[in-house]
Structure formats: structure tokens, C-alpha cells
Amino acid sequence: LGVQGRAFSGSSHGVRTSPNPVSAGEAAALVAKLEQELLPPPPAWLPPLLAAPGCRVVGFGERTSIFALAASIPTAGEAGPGEGARLTPASVWAAVERSLGKSDAEMAEATGADSLHDEEDLVLPKLLLLHTIMRRLGVDGVRYVRTMGNAEGVLVYEPLWSGSGEGVP
């Protein structure tokens, strides 16, 4: 994307070029590039739906999904909020700030070797993309639900979409 002035390529950890460590300035530059050049404005019908009373936004995916990642970054020495977490732009940005300036090895150590699944190099790009999209769409929160390839099942799981959603992972 031109933010760090180097090419990123590859398909697996150890072969991919890592952006880490990422500085605060580089993170801000990527957010600006996403906002100004790469992300189109939302379709006109979407913002009113997201602003409607009772609107629920759910992010689902397996352990390497953008939502799982945001839910796994620890806060002040504690574990990340985990599955069922309500991710907000502020909580995602706090995860960004906790990840700045860390090498791949430091990122793995800070989160626990297994939680990133050899994708330490993707932590900040994913977090910055999630934060930017949430802000762009005006989403104040996303509930993370872990799935294993059954994304359609999330769509028909009644407790997730009715009532308060309490007790839903």
C-alpha cells in the first residue's frame, strides 16, 4: 500500500513479509489511505439500517478472523475479551495501541503463542482495517461469535437476534 515503502508478499508465516514493528505514524498513514483512497463510501441504504434502534452487528469467523483477532488482544496484562466480546471502535483502537512497535516475536509473546496462529504479521493490518470500517459505517459495536465454517447458521440462530442477546457467546 506504499505506507512503509516496501513490498509485502507471500502466503504463509515465515515466507510473508511482515510490516512489524509498525509505528504510530505508519498506522495513522494506513488509516488515512484506507479512508481516502481504498474504502468506498457505504451504500446509501446501509447507514440508516445500522443506526436503527435495536440494530445488532455480528462479526463471525474462525480463530484467525479479523473479529477473533480483535477479541484476543490482551488488555493491561489480562486476557483479551474473547468469544462473545462486544468490540467497539475504542476497544479495537486500544488493541492497535497495544500492538504498535512490537516485532512478530513480541506480538506472539504478548498474546500467547497459540492465539495468533502464526499470523503476527497480520495483527495490525487487520485491526486497522476493522477500526476504519467500523468508523466509516458508524458501527458502535460488533459482537464476535466464533464459527467453524457454518456462517449461515449464525444468520438463523434466534437468540443472537432477539431480546438483549445476553448469554449469547
N, C-alpha and C. Protein backbone atom coordinates (compact mmCIF):
# COMPACT_ATOMS: atom_id res chain seq x y z
N LEU A 1 0.82 -1.21 0.00
CA LEU A 1 0.00 0.00 0.00
C LEU A 1 0.86 1.27 0.00
N GLY A 2 2.15 1.10 0.08
CA GLY A 2 3.03 2.25 -0.01
C GLY A 2 3.27 2.98 1.29
N VAL A 3 2.69 2.54 2.39
CA VAL A 3 2.85 3.26 3.65
C VAL A 3 4.26 3.12 4.19
N GLN A 4 4.83 1.91 4.12
CA GLN A 4 6.18 1.69 4.63
C GLN A 4 7.23 1.71 3.52
N GLY A 5 6.80 1.82 2.27
CA GLY A 5 7.74 1.89 1.17
C GLY A 5 8.41 0.56 0.85
N ARG A 6 7.76 -0.55 1.17
CA ARG A 6 8.30 -1.85 0.81
C ARG A 6 7.19 -2.78 0.35
N ALA A 7 7.56 -3.82 -0.35
CA ALA A 7 6.58 -4.76 -0.90
C ALA A 7 6.27 -5.84 0.13
N PHE A 8 5.02 -6.25 0.18
CA PHE A 8 4.58 -7.32 1.05
C PHE A 8 4.05 -8.43 0.18
N SER A 9 4.63 -9.61 0.35
CA SER A 9 4.19 -10.73 -0.46
C SER A 9 4.39 -12.02 0.31
N GLY A 10 3.84 -13.09 -0.23
CA GLY A 10 3.96 -14.39 0.39
C GLY A 10 2.62 -14.91 0.83
N SER A 11 2.61 -16.17 1.29
CA SER A 11 1.34 -16.76 1.65
C SER A 11 1.33 -17.48 2.98
N SER A 12 2.47 -17.60 3.64
CA SER A 12 2.48 -18.25 4.95
C SER A 12 3.51 -17.60 5.85
N HIS A 13 3.32 -17.76 7.16
CA HIS A 13 4.24 -17.16 8.12
C HIS A 13 5.66 -17.66 7.86
N GLY A 14 6.59 -16.77 7.97
CA GLY A 14 7.97 -17.12 7.70
C GLY A 14 8.34 -16.87 6.25
N VAL A 15 7.34 -16.81 5.38
CA VAL A 15 7.55 -16.55 3.97
C VAL A 15 7.01 -15.16 3.63
N ARG A 16 5.92 -14.77 4.32
CA ARG A 16 5.34 -13.44 4.10
C ARG A 16 6.27 -12.38 4.64
N THR A 17 6.25 -11.23 4.00
CA THR A 17 6.98 -10.07 4.51
C THR A 17 6.14 -9.45 5.61
N SER A 18 6.73 -9.20 6.77
CA SER A 18 5.99 -8.64 7.89
C SER A 18 6.15 -7.12 7.95
N PRO A 19 5.08 -6.40 8.29
CA PRO A 19 5.20 -4.96 8.48
C PRO A 19 5.72 -4.60 9.87
N ASN A 20 5.81 -5.58 10.75
CA ASN A 20 6.18 -5.30 12.15
C ASN A 20 7.67 -5.05 12.30
N PRO A 21 8.04 -4.16 13.21
CA PRO A 21 7.16 -3.34 14.05
C PRO A 21 6.57 -2.17 13.27
N VAL A 22 5.34 -1.82 13.63
CA VAL A 22 4.61 -0.72 12.99
C VAL A 22 4.60 0.47 13.95
N SER A 23 4.94 1.63 13.46
CA SER A 23 4.93 2.84 14.29
C SER A 23 3.54 3.46 14.30
N ALA A 24 3.31 4.36 15.24
CA ALA A 24 2.02 5.08 15.31
C ALA A 24 1.80 5.88 14.03
N GLY A 25 2.85 6.48 13.50
CA GLY A 25 2.74 7.25 12.26
C GLY A 25 2.36 6.39 11.07
N GLU A 26 2.94 5.19 10.99
CA GLU A 26 2.60 4.27 9.90
C GLU A 26 1.16 3.79 10.03
N ALA A 27 0.71 3.53 11.25
CA ALA A 27 -0.68 3.12 11.46
C ALA A 27 -1.63 4.23 11.03
N ALA A 28 -1.33 5.45 11.43
CA ALA A 28 -2.18 6.59 11.06
C ALA A 28 -2.19 6.78 9.54
N ALA A 29 -1.04 6.57 8.89
CA ALA A 29 -0.97 6.72 7.44
C ALA A 29 -1.81 5.66 6.74
N LEU A 30 -1.82 4.43 7.26
CA LEU A 30 -2.63 3.38 6.66
C LEU A 30 -4.12 3.69 6.83
N VAL A 31 -4.52 4.15 8.01
CA VAL A 31 -5.92 4.52 8.23
C VAL A 31 -6.32 5.62 7.25
N ALA A 32 -5.48 6.63 7.08
CA ALA A 32 -5.78 7.73 6.15
C ALA A 32 -5.91 7.20 4.72
N LYS A 33 -5.01 6.30 4.34
CA LYS A 33 -5.06 5.75 2.98
C LYS A 33 -6.33 4.92 2.78
N LEU A 34 -6.69 4.13 3.79
CA LEU A 34 -7.93 3.36 3.72
C LEU A 34 -9.13 4.29 3.57
N GLU A 35 -9.18 5.32 4.40
CA GLU A 35 -10.33 6.24 4.40
C GLU A 35 -10.43 7.05 3.11
N GLN A 36 -9.29 7.52 2.62
CA GLN A 36 -9.30 8.45 1.49
C GLN A 36 -9.25 7.77 0.12
N GLU A 37 -8.61 6.60 0.04
CA GLU A 37 -8.38 6.02 -1.27
C GLU A 37 -8.96 4.62 -1.49
N LEU A 38 -8.96 3.81 -0.46
CA LEU A 38 -9.23 2.39 -0.68
C LEU A 38 -10.64 1.94 -0.34
N LEU A 39 -11.25 2.51 0.66
CA LEU A 39 -12.60 2.09 1.05
C LEU A 39 -13.64 2.99 0.41
N PRO A 40 -14.54 2.40 -0.35
CA PRO A 40 -15.59 3.23 -0.94
C PRO A 40 -16.58 3.66 0.13
N PRO A 41 -17.33 4.71 -0.13
CA PRO A 41 -18.37 5.08 0.83
C PRO A 41 -19.41 3.97 0.91
N PRO A 42 -20.07 3.84 2.05
CA PRO A 42 -21.10 2.79 2.16
C PRO A 42 -22.28 3.10 1.25
N PRO A 43 -23.00 2.07 0.82
CA PRO A 43 -24.20 2.33 0.01
C PRO A 43 -25.21 3.13 0.84
N ALA A 44 -25.99 3.94 0.19
CA ALA A 44 -26.92 4.87 0.87
C ALA A 44 -27.89 4.15 1.81
N TRP A 45 -28.26 2.92 1.52
CA TRP A 45 -29.25 2.21 2.33
C TRP A 45 -28.67 1.68 3.64
N LEU A 46 -27.33 1.53 3.74
CA LEU A 46 -26.74 0.89 4.91
C LEU A 46 -26.69 1.75 6.17
N PRO A 47 -26.23 3.00 6.14
CA PRO A 47 -26.16 3.78 7.38
C PRO A 47 -27.49 3.89 8.14
N PRO A 48 -28.64 4.10 7.46
CA PRO A 48 -29.89 4.15 8.22
C PRO A 48 -30.22 2.83 8.92
N LEU A 49 -29.89 1.72 8.28
CA LEU A 49 -30.14 0.42 8.91
C LEU A 49 -29.26 0.23 10.14
N LEU A 50 -28.00 0.62 10.04
CA LEU A 50 -27.08 0.48 11.17
C LEU A 50 -27.45 1.41 12.32
N ALA A 51 -28.10 2.53 12.01
CA ALA A 51 -28.50 3.48 13.04
C ALA A 51 -29.87 3.18 13.64
N ALA A 52 -30.58 2.21 13.09
CA ALA A 52 -31.93 1.89 13.56
C ALA A 52 -31.89 1.34 14.98
N PRO A 53 -32.88 1.71 15.81
CA PRO A 53 -32.93 1.16 17.17
C PRO A 53 -32.98 -0.37 17.13
N GLY A 54 -32.20 -0.98 18.00
CA GLY A 54 -32.19 -2.43 18.08
C GLY A 54 -31.30 -3.12 17.06
N CYS A 55 -30.61 -2.34 16.24
CA CYS A 55 -29.73 -2.93 15.24
C CYS A 55 -28.60 -3.69 15.94
N ARG A 56 -28.32 -4.88 15.47
CA ARG A 56 -27.22 -5.68 16.00
C ARG A 56 -26.25 -5.99 14.88
N VAL A 57 -24.99 -5.79 15.16
CA VAL A 57 -23.95 -6.13 14.20
C VAL A 57 -23.16 -7.29 14.80
N VAL A 58 -23.04 -8.36 14.04
CA VAL A 58 -22.34 -9.55 14.50
C VAL A 58 -21.19 -9.82 13.55
N GLY A 59 -20.03 -10.08 14.13
CA GLY A 59 -18.88 -10.50 13.35
C GLY A 59 -18.61 -11.95 13.66
N PHE A 60 -18.56 -12.77 12.63
CA PHE A 60 -18.33 -14.18 12.90
C PHE A 60 -17.16 -14.69 12.08
N GLY A 61 -16.53 -15.72 12.60
CA GLY A 61 -15.41 -16.32 11.92
C GLY A 61 -14.63 -17.23 12.84
N GLU A 62 -13.69 -17.92 12.27
CA GLU A 62 -12.85 -18.87 12.99
C GLU A 62 -11.73 -18.11 13.69
N ARG A 63 -10.80 -18.82 14.23
CA ARG A 63 -9.76 -18.27 15.10
C ARG A 63 -8.85 -17.23 14.46
N THR A 64 -8.73 -17.21 13.14
CA THR A 64 -7.88 -16.21 12.50
C THR A 64 -8.69 -15.07 11.88
N SER A 65 -9.99 -15.03 12.16
CA SER A 65 -10.81 -13.95 11.59
C SER A 65 -10.43 -12.61 12.21
N ILE A 66 -10.77 -11.57 11.53
CA ILE A 66 -10.49 -10.22 11.99
C ILE A 66 -11.15 -9.96 13.36
N PHE A 67 -12.31 -10.54 13.59
CA PHE A 67 -13.04 -10.34 14.85
C PHE A 67 -12.41 -11.15 15.97
N ALA A 68 -11.99 -12.39 15.68
CA ALA A 68 -11.31 -13.21 16.69
C ALA A 68 -10.02 -12.54 17.12
N LEU A 69 -9.32 -11.98 16.17
CA LEU A 69 -8.07 -11.29 16.48
C LEU A 69 -8.32 -10.12 17.42
N ALA A 70 -9.29 -9.28 17.09
CA ALA A 70 -9.58 -8.12 17.93
C ALA A 70 -10.01 -8.53 19.33
N ALA A 71 -10.66 -9.69 19.43
CA ALA A 71 -11.12 -10.17 20.74
C ALA A 71 -10.01 -10.88 21.52
N SER A 72 -8.87 -11.13 20.88
CA SER A 72 -7.81 -11.90 21.55
C SER A 72 -6.68 -11.04 22.10
N ILE A 73 -6.61 -9.77 21.75
CA ILE A 73 -5.51 -8.92 22.20
C ILE A 73 -5.71 -8.59 23.68
N PRO A 74 -4.73 -8.92 24.52
CA PRO A 74 -4.89 -8.69 25.96
C PRO A 74 -4.88 -7.21 26.33
N THR A 75 -5.50 -6.92 27.46
CA THR A 75 -5.51 -5.55 27.98
C THR A 75 -4.79 -5.52 29.31
N ALA A 76 -3.81 -4.68 29.44
CA ALA A 76 -3.09 -4.46 30.70
C ALA A 76 -2.79 -5.75 31.45
N GLY A 77 -2.20 -6.71 30.75
CA GLY A 77 -1.80 -7.94 31.40
C GLY A 77 -2.90 -8.97 31.57
N GLU A 78 -4.13 -8.65 31.15
CA GLU A 78 -5.23 -9.60 31.24
C GLU A 78 -5.49 -10.19 29.87
N ALA A 79 -6.18 -11.31 29.86
CA ALA A 79 -6.52 -11.94 28.58
C ALA A 79 -7.44 -11.02 27.78
N GLY A 80 -7.46 -11.20 26.47
CA GLY A 80 -8.40 -10.46 25.63
C GLY A 80 -9.81 -10.86 25.99
N PRO A 81 -10.79 -10.07 25.56
CA PRO A 81 -12.18 -10.34 25.94
C PRO A 81 -12.73 -11.66 25.42
N GLY A 82 -12.20 -12.17 24.32
CA GLY A 82 -12.57 -13.50 23.83
C GLY A 82 -13.90 -13.56 23.11
N GLU A 83 -14.33 -14.80 22.88
CA GLU A 83 -15.58 -15.06 22.16
C GLU A 83 -16.75 -14.43 22.91
N GLY A 84 -17.67 -13.85 22.17
CA GLY A 84 -18.83 -13.19 22.76
C GLY A 84 -18.56 -11.74 23.09
N ALA A 85 -17.33 -11.31 22.88
CA ALA A 85 -16.96 -9.93 23.21
C ALA A 85 -17.74 -8.94 22.36
N ARG A 86 -18.04 -7.81 22.94
CA ARG A 86 -18.60 -6.70 22.18
C ARG A 86 -17.45 -5.78 21.85
N LEU A 87 -17.07 -5.77 20.59
CA LEU A 87 -15.96 -4.96 20.13
C LEU A 87 -16.48 -3.59 19.75
N THR A 88 -15.82 -2.56 20.21
CA THR A 88 -16.18 -1.18 19.88
C THR A 88 -15.01 -0.54 19.14
N PRO A 89 -15.26 0.57 18.45
CA PRO A 89 -14.11 1.25 17.84
C PRO A 89 -13.03 1.59 18.88
N ALA A 90 -13.44 1.97 20.07
CA ALA A 90 -12.46 2.29 21.12
C ALA A 90 -11.68 1.07 21.56
N SER A 91 -12.34 -0.08 21.71
CA SER A 91 -11.62 -1.28 22.15
C SER A 91 -10.69 -1.79 21.05
N VAL A 92 -11.11 -1.67 19.80
CA VAL A 92 -10.24 -2.08 18.69
C VAL A 92 -9.04 -1.15 18.61
N TRP A 93 -9.27 0.16 18.79
CA TRP A 93 -8.14 1.10 18.75
C TRP A 93 -7.19 0.86 19.91
N ALA A 94 -7.71 0.51 21.08
CA ALA A 94 -6.85 0.19 22.23
C ALA A 94 -5.98 -1.02 21.89
N ALA A 95 -6.53 -2.00 21.18
CA ALA A 95 -5.74 -3.16 20.75
C ALA A 95 -4.66 -2.74 19.76
N VAL A 96 -4.99 -1.79 18.88
CA VAL A 96 -3.99 -1.24 17.96
C VAL A 96 -2.84 -0.64 18.76
N GLU A 97 -3.18 0.22 19.72
CA GLU A 97 -2.15 0.90 20.50
C GLU A 97 -1.27 -0.09 21.27
N ARG A 98 -1.86 -1.17 21.76
CA ARG A 98 -1.07 -2.18 22.49
C ARG A 98 -0.18 -2.98 21.56
N SER A 99 -0.44 -2.93 20.27
CA SER A 99 0.32 -3.72 19.29
C SER A 99 1.39 -2.91 18.57
N LEU A 100 1.34 -1.61 18.66
CA LEU A 100 2.31 -0.76 17.96
C LEU A 100 3.73 -1.00 18.48
N GLY A 101 4.68 -0.94 17.57
CA GLY A 101 6.09 -1.03 17.94
C GLY A 101 6.58 -2.42 18.30
N LYS A 102 5.74 -3.43 18.16
CA LYS A 102 6.13 -4.80 18.52
C LYS A 102 6.59 -5.58 17.29
N SER A 103 7.63 -6.37 17.49
CA SER A 103 8.07 -7.29 16.44
C SER A 103 7.09 -8.47 16.40
N ASP A 104 7.23 -9.33 15.41
CA ASP A 104 6.39 -10.53 15.35
C ASP A 104 6.55 -11.36 16.63
N ALA A 105 7.78 -11.53 17.07
CA ALA A 105 8.04 -12.33 18.27
C ALA A 105 7.41 -11.69 19.51
N GLU A 106 7.52 -10.38 19.64
CA GLU A 106 6.90 -9.68 20.78
C GLU A 106 5.38 -9.78 20.72
N MET A 107 4.82 -9.72 19.53
CA MET A 107 3.37 -9.84 19.36
C MET A 107 2.91 -11.21 19.81
N ALA A 108 3.62 -12.26 19.40
CA ALA A 108 3.27 -13.63 19.78
C ALA A 108 3.39 -13.81 21.29
N GLU A 109 4.45 -13.26 21.88
CA GLU A 109 4.65 -13.39 23.33
C GLU A 109 3.57 -12.65 24.11
N ALA A 110 3.19 -11.49 23.65
CA ALA A 110 2.20 -10.67 24.37
C ALA A 110 0.81 -11.29 24.36
N THR A 111 0.50 -12.05 23.32
CA THR A 111 -0.85 -12.60 23.20
C THR A 111 -0.92 -14.07 23.53
N GLY A 112 0.22 -14.71 23.70
CA GLY A 112 0.24 -16.16 23.89
C GLY A 112 0.48 -16.80 22.53
N ALA A 113 1.42 -17.68 22.47
CA ALA A 113 1.88 -18.21 21.19
C ALA A 113 0.76 -18.78 20.32
N ASP A 114 -0.27 -19.38 20.91
CA ASP A 114 -1.30 -20.03 20.11
C ASP A 114 -2.39 -19.10 19.61
N SER A 115 -2.58 -17.96 20.25
CA SER A 115 -3.75 -17.14 19.92
C SER A 115 -3.67 -16.48 18.54
N LEU A 116 -2.48 -16.24 18.03
CA LEU A 116 -2.37 -15.58 16.73
C LEU A 116 -2.20 -16.55 15.57
N HIS A 117 -1.94 -17.81 15.87
CA HIS A 117 -1.89 -18.86 14.85
C HIS A 117 -0.94 -18.51 13.71
N ASP A 118 0.26 -18.07 14.08
CA ASP A 118 1.31 -17.73 13.12
C ASP A 118 0.92 -16.59 12.18
N GLU A 119 0.07 -15.69 12.65
CA GLU A 119 -0.30 -14.54 11.83
C GLU A 119 0.04 -13.22 12.54
N GLU A 120 1.15 -13.20 13.26
CA GLU A 120 1.58 -11.99 13.96
C GLU A 120 1.72 -10.81 13.00
N ASP A 121 2.13 -11.10 11.79
CA ASP A 121 2.34 -10.06 10.78
C ASP A 121 1.03 -9.43 10.30
N LEU A 122 -0.10 -10.08 10.57
CA LEU A 122 -1.38 -9.56 10.11
C LEU A 122 -2.17 -8.82 11.19
N VAL A 123 -1.65 -8.81 12.41
CA VAL A 123 -2.37 -8.21 13.53
C VAL A 123 -2.76 -6.76 13.24
N LEU A 124 -1.78 -5.92 13.01
CA LEU A 124 -2.11 -4.50 12.83
C LEU A 124 -2.87 -4.22 11.55
N PRO A 125 -2.52 -4.82 10.41
CA PRO A 125 -3.37 -4.56 9.23
C PRO A 125 -4.83 -4.92 9.47
N LYS A 126 -5.08 -6.05 10.12
CA LYS A 126 -6.47 -6.46 10.38
C LYS A 126 -7.16 -5.51 11.36
N LEU A 127 -6.47 -5.17 12.45
CA LEU A 127 -7.08 -4.27 13.44
C LEU A 127 -7.36 -2.90 12.84
N LEU A 128 -6.43 -2.39 12.06
CA LEU A 128 -6.62 -1.07 11.46
C LEU A 128 -7.76 -1.09 10.45
N LEU A 129 -7.88 -2.16 9.69
CA LEU A 129 -8.99 -2.28 8.74
C LEU A 129 -10.32 -2.36 9.48
N LEU A 130 -10.40 -3.18 10.52
CA LEU A 130 -11.64 -3.31 11.28
C LEU A 130 -12.04 -1.96 11.90
N HIS A 131 -11.10 -1.29 12.53
CA HIS A 131 -11.39 0.01 13.15
C HIS A 131 -11.88 1.02 12.12
N THR A 132 -11.21 1.06 10.99
CA THR A 132 -11.57 2.03 9.95
C THR A 132 -12.95 1.75 9.38
N ILE A 133 -13.27 0.49 9.14
CA ILE A 133 -14.59 0.14 8.61
C ILE A 133 -15.67 0.43 9.64
N MET A 134 -15.43 0.11 10.90
CA MET A 134 -16.43 0.41 11.94
C MET A 134 -16.72 1.91 11.98
N ARG A 135 -15.67 2.72 11.93
CA ARG A 135 -15.87 4.18 11.94
C ARG A 135 -16.57 4.64 10.68
N ARG A 136 -16.16 4.12 9.54
CA ARG A 136 -16.75 4.53 8.25
C ARG A 136 -18.25 4.25 8.22
N LEU A 137 -18.64 3.10 8.81
CA LEU A 137 -20.05 2.71 8.79
C LEU A 137 -20.84 3.24 9.99
N GLY A 138 -20.15 3.84 10.96
CA GLY A 138 -20.84 4.33 12.15
C GLY A 138 -21.29 3.20 13.07
N VAL A 139 -20.58 2.08 13.05
CA VAL A 139 -20.91 0.93 13.89
C VAL A 139 -20.32 1.16 15.28
N ASP A 140 -21.19 1.16 16.30
CA ASP A 140 -20.68 1.41 17.65
C ASP A 140 -20.28 0.13 18.38
N GLY A 141 -20.64 -1.02 17.84
CA GLY A 141 -20.25 -2.27 18.45
C GLY A 141 -20.53 -3.46 17.56
N VAL A 142 -19.67 -4.47 17.69
CA VAL A 142 -19.82 -5.72 16.96
C VAL A 142 -19.67 -6.84 17.97
N ARG A 143 -20.62 -7.76 18.00
CA ARG A 143 -20.50 -8.93 18.87
C ARG A 143 -19.80 -10.02 18.08
N TYR A 144 -18.70 -10.56 18.65
CA TYR A 144 -17.95 -11.61 17.97
C TYR A 144 -18.51 -12.98 18.35
N VAL A 145 -18.83 -13.78 17.34
CA VAL A 145 -19.30 -15.15 17.52
C VAL A 145 -18.38 -16.06 16.73
N ARG A 146 -17.74 -16.99 17.42
CA ARG A 146 -16.83 -17.91 16.73
C ARG A 146 -17.64 -18.97 15.99
N THR A 147 -17.30 -19.17 14.74
CA THR A 147 -17.93 -20.20 13.92
C THR A 147 -16.84 -21.04 13.27
N MET A 148 -17.22 -22.19 12.83
CA MET A 148 -16.28 -23.08 12.15
C MET A 148 -16.84 -23.43 10.78
N GLY A 149 -16.98 -22.42 9.95
CA GLY A 149 -17.44 -22.66 8.60
C GLY A 149 -18.95 -22.69 8.45
N ASN A 150 -19.69 -22.51 9.52
CA ASN A 150 -21.15 -22.53 9.44
C ASN A 150 -21.70 -21.12 9.59
N ALA A 151 -21.23 -20.22 8.77
CA ALA A 151 -21.65 -18.83 8.87
C ALA A 151 -23.15 -18.69 8.67
N GLU A 152 -23.72 -19.54 7.83
CA GLU A 152 -25.16 -19.46 7.60
C GLU A 152 -25.94 -19.76 8.88
N GLY A 153 -25.40 -20.64 9.72
CA GLY A 153 -26.04 -20.98 10.98
C GLY A 153 -26.17 -19.78 11.90
N VAL A 154 -25.21 -18.86 11.86
CA VAL A 154 -25.27 -17.65 12.67
C VAL A 154 -26.49 -16.82 12.27
N LEU A 155 -26.77 -16.80 10.99
CA LEU A 155 -27.88 -15.99 10.50
C LEU A 155 -29.24 -16.46 11.00
N VAL A 156 -29.38 -17.73 11.32
CA VAL A 156 -30.67 -18.25 11.75
C VAL A 156 -30.72 -18.60 13.24
N TYR A 157 -29.66 -18.28 13.98
CA TYR A 157 -29.62 -18.57 15.41
C TYR A 157 -30.42 -17.50 16.16
N GLU A 158 -31.67 -17.82 16.48
CA GLU A 158 -32.64 -16.87 17.04
C GLU A 158 -32.14 -16.10 18.27
N PRO A 159 -31.51 -16.74 19.29
CA PRO A 159 -31.09 -15.98 20.47
C PRO A 159 -30.13 -14.83 20.15
N LEU A 160 -29.41 -14.95 19.07
CA LEU A 160 -28.48 -13.90 18.69
C LEU A 160 -29.20 -12.63 18.24
N TRP A 161 -30.36 -12.79 17.66
CA TRP A 161 -31.04 -11.67 17.02
C TRP A 161 -32.26 -11.16 17.79
N SER A 162 -32.69 -11.84 18.83
CA SER A 162 -33.86 -11.40 19.56
C SER A 162 -33.50 -11.04 20.99
N GLY A 163 -34.31 -10.25 21.63
CA GLY A 163 -34.09 -9.88 23.02
C GLY A 163 -32.80 -9.10 23.19
N SER A 164 -32.19 -9.25 24.36
CA SER A 164 -30.99 -8.48 24.67
C SER A 164 -29.74 -9.11 24.12
N GLY A 165 -29.82 -10.37 23.72
CA GLY A 165 -28.63 -11.04 23.25
C GLY A 165 -27.75 -11.53 24.39
N GLU A 166 -28.18 -11.34 25.63
CA GLU A 166 -27.40 -11.78 26.77
C GLU A 166 -27.30 -13.30 26.77
N GLY A 167 -26.16 -13.77 27.17
CA GLY A 167 -25.94 -15.20 27.23
C GLY A 167 -25.54 -15.80 25.90
N VAL A 168 -25.50 -14.99 24.87
CA VAL A 168 -25.09 -15.47 23.57
C VAL A 168 -23.57 -15.36 23.52
N PRO A 169 -22.90 -16.43 23.13
CA PRO A 169 -21.44 -16.37 23.07
C PRO A 169 -20.98 -15.35 22.05
